[in-house]
Amino acid sequence: MSEALSELQERYERLKGQSVLDEAAQALFADLFAEAERLQASNLTLRRTILKSSSKESRMSTKLRDALYE
């Protein structure tokens, strides 16, 4: 979990502990945090996929690359 998301989670837990939020708001926040965590994991997976695909493109031999740039 990212640092920003962790800080938001801590603030939510403090508000929940103070009984400032009603049950509907607590359920909404719990759903939002679950979705944020899912999106963050998806983002990480996509970044890894992009890095892998971009690294495959740069495996051209130097002779071939020089010939193409001429």
PDB file of N, CA and C in Angstrom:
ATOM      1  N   MET A   1       0.851  -1.171   0.000  1.00  0.00           N
ATOM      2  CA  MET A   1       0.000   0.000   0.000  1.00  0.00           C
ATOM      3  C   MET A   1       0.899   1.237   0.000  1.00  0.00           C
ATOM      4  N   SER A   2       0.495   2.256  -0.757  1.00  0.00           N
ATOM      5  CA  SER A   2       1.321   3.453  -0.823  1.00  0.00           C
ATOM      6  C   SER A   2       1.245   4.232   0.485  1.00  0.00           C
ATOM      7  N   GLU A   3       2.195   5.112   0.645  1.00  0.00           N
ATOM      8  CA  GLU A   3       2.262   5.904   1.875  1.00  0.00           C
ATOM      9  C   GLU A   3       1.032   6.799   2.024  1.00  0.00           C
ATOM     10  N   ALA A   4       0.614   7.419   0.927  1.00  0.00           N
ATOM     11  CA  ALA A   4      -0.559   8.308   0.974  1.00  0.00           C
ATOM     12  C   ALA A   4      -1.812   7.533   1.350  1.00  0.00           C
ATOM     13  N   LEU A   5      -1.971   6.354   0.763  1.00  0.00           N
ATOM     14  CA  LEU A   5      -3.136   5.539   1.077  1.00  0.00           C
ATOM     15  C   LEU A   5      -3.092   5.058   2.521  1.00  0.00           C
ATOM     16  N   SER A   6      -1.912   4.752   3.012  1.00  0.00           N
ATOM     17  CA  SER A   6      -1.770   4.342   4.411  1.00  0.00           C
ATOM     18  C   SER A   6      -2.152   5.468   5.370  1.00  0.00           C
ATOM     19  N   GLU A   7      -1.731   6.689   5.032  1.00  0.00           N
ATOM     20  CA  GLU A   7      -2.086   7.841   5.873  1.00  0.00           C
ATOM     21  C   GLU A   7      -3.589   8.075   5.882  1.00  0.00           C
ATOM     22  N   LEU A   8      -4.222   7.948   4.726  1.00  0.00           N
ATOM     23  CA  LEU A   8      -5.680   8.105   4.661  1.00  0.00           C
ATOM     24  C   LEU A   8      -6.381   7.022   5.474  1.00  0.00           C
ATOM     25  N   GLN A   9      -5.855   5.815   5.395  1.00  0.00           N
ATOM     26  CA  GLN A   9      -6.428   4.708   6.160  1.00  0.00           C
ATOM     27  C   GLN A   9      -6.318   4.984   7.663  1.00  0.00           C
ATOM     28  N   GLU A  10      -5.194   5.519   8.101  1.00  0.00           N
ATOM     29  CA  GLU A  10      -5.011   5.840   9.517  1.00  0.00           C
ATOM     30  C   GLU A  10      -5.981   6.935   9.954  1.00  0.00           C
ATOM     31  N   ARG A  11      -6.150   7.963   9.123  1.00  0.00           N
ATOM     32  CA  ARG A  11      -7.098   9.039   9.455  1.00  0.00           C
ATOM     33  C   ARG A  11      -8.514   8.489   9.554  1.00  0.00           C
ATOM     34  N   TYR A  12      -8.859   7.585   8.648  1.00  0.00           N
ATOM     35  CA  TYR A  12     -10.178   6.955   8.679  1.00  0.00           C
ATOM     36  C   TYR A  12     -10.363   6.159   9.966  1.00  0.00           C
ATOM     37  N   GLU A  13      -9.349   5.403  10.355  1.00  0.00           N
ATOM     38  CA  GLU A  13      -9.441   4.609  11.576  1.00  0.00           C
ATOM     39  C   GLU A  13      -9.618   5.500  12.808  1.00  0.00           C
ATOM     40  N   ARG A  14      -8.933   6.658  12.821  1.00  0.00           N
ATOM     41  CA  ARG A  14      -9.104   7.590  13.951  1.00  0.00           C
ATOM     42  C   ARG A  14     -10.529   8.132  14.002  1.00  0.00           C
ATOM     43  N   LEU A  15     -11.072   8.529  12.850  1.00  0.00           N
ATOM     44  CA  LEU A  15     -12.448   9.025  12.818  1.00  0.00           C
ATOM     45  C   LEU A  15     -13.435   7.938  13.228  1.00  0.00           C
ATOM     46  N   LYS A  16     -13.191   6.736  12.770  1.00  0.00           N
ATOM     47  CA  LYS A  16     -14.056   5.613  13.116  1.00  0.00           C
ATOM     48  C   LYS A  16     -13.998   5.341  14.611  1.00  0.00           C
ATOM     49  N   GLY A  17     -12.812   5.459  15.192  1.00  0.00           N
ATOM     50  CA  GLY A  17     -12.653   5.234  16.624  1.00  0.00           C
ATOM     51  C   GLY A  17     -13.337   6.297  17.466  1.00  0.00           C
ATOM     52  N   GLN A  18     -13.457   7.497  16.929  1.00  0.00           N
ATOM     53  CA  GLN A  18     -14.116   8.586  17.642  1.00  0.00           C
ATOM     54  C   GLN A  18     -15.627   8.568  17.453  1.00  0.00           C
ATOM     55  N   SER A  19     -16.119   7.599  16.677  1.00  0.00           N
ATOM     56  CA  SER A  19     -17.552   7.463  16.386  1.00  0.00           C
ATOM     57  C   SER A  19     -18.117   8.707  15.718  1.00  0.00           C
ATOM     58  N   VAL A  20     -17.324   9.343  14.876  1.00  0.00           N
ATOM     59  CA  VAL A  20     -17.783  10.522  14.141  1.00  0.00           C
ATOM     60  C   VAL A  20     -18.584  10.106  12.912  1.00  0.00           C
ATOM     61  N   LEU A  21     -18.282   8.923  12.377  1.00  0.00           N
ATOM     62  CA  LEU A  21     -18.914   8.457  11.151  1.00  0.00           C
ATOM     63  C   LEU A  21     -20.036   7.472  11.463  1.00  0.00           C
ATOM     64  N   ASP A  22     -21.133   7.594  10.707  1.00  0.00           N
ATOM     65  CA  ASP A  22     -22.206   6.616  10.873  1.00  0.00           C
ATOM     66  C   ASP A  22     -21.864   5.341  10.093  1.00  0.00           C
ATOM     67  N   GLU A  23     -22.697   4.333  10.218  1.00  0.00           N
ATOM     68  CA  GLU A  23     -22.391   3.032   9.607  1.00  0.00           C
ATOM     69  C   GLU A  23     -22.349   3.102   8.089  1.00  0.00           C
ATOM     70  N   ALA A  24     -23.224   3.886   7.479  1.00  0.00           N
ATOM     71  CA  ALA A  24     -23.239   4.007   6.019  1.00  0.00           C
ATOM     72  C   ALA A  24     -21.938   4.632   5.522  1.00  0.00           C
ATOM     73  N   ALA A  25     -21.451   5.651   6.213  1.00  0.00           N
ATOM     74  CA  ALA A  25     -20.193   6.295   5.828  1.00  0.00           C
ATOM     75  C   ALA A  25     -19.024   5.335   6.021  1.00  0.00           C
ATOM     76  N   GLN A  26     -19.047   4.555   7.090  1.00  0.00           N
ATOM     77  CA  GLN A  26     -17.987   3.584   7.326  1.00  0.00           C
ATOM     78  C   GLN A  26     -17.954   2.540   6.220  1.00  0.00           C
ATOM     79  N   ALA A  27     -19.131   2.076   5.804  1.00  0.00           N
ATOM     80  CA  ALA A  27     -19.200   1.085   4.729  1.00  0.00           C
ATOM     81  C   ALA A  27     -18.693   1.682   3.420  1.00  0.00           C
ATOM     82  N   LEU A  28     -19.067   2.933   3.152  1.00  0.00           N
ATOM     83  CA  LEU A  28     -18.614   3.602   1.940  1.00  0.00           C
ATOM     84  C   LEU A  28     -17.096   3.741   1.935  1.00  0.00           C
ATOM     85  N   PHE A  29     -16.526   4.190   3.037  1.00  0.00           N
ATOM     86  CA  PHE A  29     -15.074   4.342   3.122  1.00  0.00           C
ATOM     87  C   PHE A  29     -14.365   2.998   2.982  1.00  0.00           C
ATOM     88  N   ALA A  30     -14.909   1.968   3.588  1.00  0.00           N
ATOM     89  CA  ALA A  30     -14.302   0.638   3.476  1.00  0.00           C
ATOM     90  C   ALA A  30     -14.297   0.188   2.019  1.00  0.00           C
ATOM     91  N   ASP A  31     -15.398   0.422   1.304  1.00  0.00           N
ATOM     92  CA  ASP A  31     -15.465   0.066  -0.111  1.00  0.00           C
ATOM     93  C   ASP A  31     -14.471   0.883  -0.936  1.00  0.00           C
ATOM     94  N   LEU A  32     -14.360   2.162  -0.632  1.00  0.00           N
ATOM     95  CA  LEU A  32     -13.434   3.029  -1.363  1.00  0.00           C
ATOM     96  C   LEU A  32     -11.984   2.598  -1.144  1.00  0.00           C
ATOM     97  N   PHE A  33     -11.630   2.255   0.081  1.00  0.00           N
ATOM     98  CA  PHE A  33     -10.268   1.798   0.361  1.00  0.00           C
ATOM     99  C   PHE A  33      -9.987   0.462  -0.326  1.00  0.00           C
ATOM    100  N   ALA A  34     -10.963  -0.423  -0.345  1.00  0.00           N
ATOM    101  CA  ALA A  34     -10.777  -1.710  -1.029  1.00  0.00           C
ATOM    102  C   ALA A  34     -10.560  -1.484  -2.524  1.00  0.00           C
ATOM    103  N   GLU A  35     -11.344  -0.593  -3.115  1.00  0.00           N
ATOM    104  CA  GLU A  35     -11.190  -0.290  -4.539  1.00  0.00           C
ATOM    105  C   GLU A  35      -9.846   0.378  -4.822  1.00  0.00           C
ATOM    106  N   ALA A  36      -9.412   1.271  -3.950  1.00  0.00           N
ATOM    107  CA  ALA A  36      -8.123   1.942  -4.127  1.00  0.00           C
ATOM    108  C   ALA A  36      -6.979   0.931  -4.066  1.00  0.00           C
ATOM    109  N   GLU A  37      -7.058  -0.025  -3.166  1.00  0.00           N
ATOM    110  CA  GLU A  37      -6.026  -1.053  -3.063  1.00  0.00           C
ATOM    111  C   GLU A  37      -6.021  -1.940  -4.298  1.00  0.00           C
ATOM    112  N   ARG A  38      -7.218  -2.286  -4.807  1.00  0.00           N
ATOM    113  CA  ARG A  38      -7.309  -3.104  -6.007  1.00  0.00           C
ATOM    114  C   ARG A  38      -6.721  -2.365  -7.206  1.00  0.00           C
ATOM    115  N   LEU A  39      -7.039  -1.082  -7.334  1.00  0.00           N
ATOM    116  CA  LEU A  39      -6.510  -0.285  -8.439  1.00  0.00           C
ATOM    117  C   LEU A  39      -5.000  -0.113  -8.339  1.00  0.00           C
ATOM    118  N   GLN A  40      -4.505   0.027  -7.139  1.00  0.00           N
ATOM    119  CA  GLN A  40      -3.061   0.164  -6.947  1.00  0.00           C
ATOM    120  C   GLN A  40      -2.340  -1.123  -7.364  1.00  0.00           C
ATOM    121  N   ALA A  41      -2.900  -2.262  -7.024  1.00  0.00           N
ATOM    122  CA  ALA A  41      -2.309  -3.537  -7.431  1.00  0.00           C
ATOM    123  C   ALA A  41      -2.366  -3.696  -8.952  1.00  0.00           C
ATOM    124  N   SER A  42      -3.472  -3.299  -9.544  1.00  0.00           N
ATOM    125  CA  SER A  42      -3.613  -3.360 -10.995  1.00  0.00           C
ATOM    126  C   SER A  42      -2.606  -2.442 -11.674  1.00  0.00           C
ATOM    127  N   ASN A  43      -2.418  -1.256 -11.114  1.00  0.00           N
ATOM    128  CA  ASN A  43      -1.456  -0.303 -11.652  1.00  0.00           C
ATOM    129  C   ASN A  43      -0.045  -0.886 -11.614  1.00  0.00           C
ATOM    130  N   LEU A  44       0.306  -1.520 -10.530  1.00  0.00           N
ATOM    131  CA  LEU A  44       1.629  -2.134 -10.400  1.00  0.00           C
ATOM    132  C   LEU A  44       1.820  -3.233 -11.438  1.00  0.00           C
ATOM    133  N   THR A  45       0.796  -4.045 -11.641  1.00  0.00           N
ATOM    134  CA  THR A  45       0.860  -5.108 -12.642  1.00  0.00           C
ATOM    135  C   THR A  45       1.041  -4.534 -14.041  1.00  0.00           C
ATOM    136  N   LEU A  46       0.303  -3.474 -14.353  1.00  0.00           N
ATOM    137  CA  LEU A  46       0.425  -2.840 -15.662  1.00  0.00           C
ATOM    138  C   LEU A  46       1.806  -2.236 -15.861  1.00  0.00           C
ATOM    139  N   ARG A  47       2.347  -1.614 -14.835  1.00  0.00           N
ATOM    140  CA  ARG A  47       3.691  -1.039 -14.941  1.00  0.00           C
ATOM    141  C   ARG A  47       4.727  -2.116 -15.223  1.00  0.00           C
ATOM    142  N   ARG A  48       4.611  -3.248 -14.528  1.00  0.00           N
ATOM    143  CA  ARG A  48       5.553  -4.349 -14.758  1.00  0.00           C
ATOM    144  C   ARG A  48       5.433  -4.876 -16.192  1.00  0.00           C
ATOM    145  N   THR A  49       4.214  -4.993 -16.673  1.00  0.00           N
ATOM    146  CA  THR A  49       3.990  -5.473 -18.034  1.00  0.00           C
ATOM    147  C   THR A  49       4.596  -4.522 -19.055  1.00  0.00           C
ATOM    148  N   ILE A  50       4.418  -3.232 -18.845  1.00  0.00           N
ATOM    149  CA  ILE A  50       4.979  -2.235 -19.757  1.00  0.00           C
ATOM    150  C   ILE A  50       6.502  -2.282 -19.733  1.00  0.00           C
ATOM    151  N   LEU A  51       7.080  -2.408 -18.553  1.00  0.00           N
ATOM    152  CA  LEU A  51       8.541  -2.500 -18.460  1.00  0.00           C
ATOM    153  C   LEU A  51       9.078  -3.735 -19.174  1.00  0.00           C
ATOM    154  N   LYS A  52       8.388  -4.862 -19.025  1.00  0.00           N
ATOM    155  CA  LYS A  52       8.828  -6.082 -19.698  1.00  0.00           C
ATOM    156  C   LYS A  52       8.737  -5.933 -21.207  1.00  0.00           C
ATOM    157  N   SER A  53       7.643  -5.357 -21.692  1.00  0.00           N
ATOM    158  CA  SER A  53       7.475  -5.234 -23.138  1.00  0.00           C
ATOM    159  C   SER A  53       8.455  -4.224 -23.723  1.00  0.00           C
ATOM    160  N   SER A  54       8.750  -3.162 -22.995  1.00  0.00           N
ATOM    161  CA  SER A  54       9.686  -2.173 -23.524  1.00  0.00           C
ATOM    162  C   SER A  54      11.118  -2.701 -23.494  1.00  0.00           C
ATOM    163  N   SER A  55      11.428  -3.593 -22.583  1.00  0.00           N
ATOM    164  CA  SER A  55      12.783  -4.140 -22.540  1.00  0.00           C
ATOM    165  C   SER A  55      13.012  -5.119 -23.687  1.00  0.00           C
ATOM    166  N   LYS A  56      11.962  -5.752 -24.169  1.00  0.00           N
ATOM    167  CA  LYS A  56      12.089  -6.684 -25.283  1.00  0.00           C
ATOM    168  C   LYS A  56      12.396  -5.935 -26.582  1.00  0.00           C
ATOM    169  N   GLU A  57      11.890  -4.719 -26.710  1.00  0.00           N
ATOM    170  CA  GLU A  57      12.094  -3.946 -27.931  1.00  0.00           C
ATOM    171  C   GLU A  57      13.546  -3.520 -28.105  1.00  0.00           C
ATOM    172  N   SER A  58      14.271  -3.365 -27.032  1.00  0.00           N
ATOM    173  CA  SER A  58      15.629  -2.851 -27.114  1.00  0.00           C
ATOM    174  C   SER A  58      16.678  -3.946 -27.294  1.00  0.00           C
ATOM    175  N   ARG A  59      16.268  -5.146 -27.634  1.00  0.00           N
ATOM    176  CA  ARG A  59      17.206  -6.262 -27.770  1.00  0.00           C
ATOM    177  C   ARG A  59      17.715  -6.423 -29.202  1.00  0.00           C
ATOM    178  N   MET A  60      17.551  -5.402 -30.019  1.00  0.00           N
ATOM    179  CA  MET A  60      18.021  -5.447 -31.386  1.00  0.00           C
ATOM    180  C   MET A  60      19.556  -5.419 -31.402  1.00  0.00           C
ATOM    181  N   SER A  61      20.135  -6.190 -32.298  1.00  0.00           N
ATOM    182  CA  SER A  61      21.594  -6.217 -32.359  1.00  0.00           C
ATOM    183  C   SER A  61      22.120  -4.859 -32.825  1.00  0.00           C
ATOM    184  N   THR A  62      23.340  -4.544 -32.444  1.00  0.00           N
ATOM    185  CA  THR A  62      23.904  -3.245 -32.803  1.00  0.00           C
ATOM    186  C   THR A  62      24.128  -3.121 -34.301  1.00  0.00           C
ATOM    187  N   LYS A  63      24.499  -4.214 -34.959  1.00  0.00           N
ATOM    188  CA  LYS A  63      24.694  -4.158 -36.416  1.00  0.00           C
ATOM    189  C   LYS A  63      23.384  -3.869 -37.124  1.00  0.00           C
ATOM    190  N   LEU A  64      22.326  -4.521 -36.696  1.00  0.00           N
ATOM    191  CA  LEU A  64      21.019  -4.304 -37.301  1.00  0.00           C
ATOM    192  C   LEU A  64      20.544  -2.880 -37.032  1.00  0.00           C
ATOM    193  N   ARG A  65      20.741  -2.405 -35.825  1.00  0.00           N
ATOM    194  CA  ARG A  65      20.327  -1.059 -35.469  1.00  0.00           C
ATOM    195  C   ARG A  65      21.082  -0.030 -36.308  1.00  0.00           C
ATOM    196  N   ASP A  66      22.404  -0.205 -36.456  1.00  0.00           N
ATOM    197  CA  ASP A  66      23.196   0.707 -37.269  1.00  0.00           C
ATOM    198  C   ASP A  66      22.743   0.698 -38.719  1.00  0.00           C
ATOM    199  N   ALA A  67      22.431  -0.476 -39.232  1.00  0.00           N
ATOM    200  CA  ALA A  67      21.965  -0.584 -40.612  1.00  0.00           C
ATOM    201  C   ALA A  67      20.638   0.119 -40.800  1.00  0.00           C
ATOM    202  N   LEU A  68      19.755  -0.001 -39.844  1.00  0.00           N
ATOM    203  CA  LEU A  68      18.450   0.642 -39.954  1.00  0.00           C
ATOM    204  C   LEU A  68      18.552   2.162 -39.856  1.00  0.00           C
ATOM    205  N   TYR A  69      19.486   2.667 -39.087  1.00  0.00           N
ATOM    206  CA  TYR A  69      19.627   4.107 -38.921  1.00  0.00           C
ATOM    207  C   TYR A  69      20.371   4.773 -40.073  1.00  0.00           C
ATOM    208  N   GLU A  70      20.986   3.988 -40.970  1.00  0.00           N
ATOM    209  CA  GLU A  70      21.732   4.586 -42.087  1.00  0.00           C
ATOM    210  C   GLU A  70      20.815   5.146 -43.146  1.00  0.00           C
TER     211      GLU A  70
END
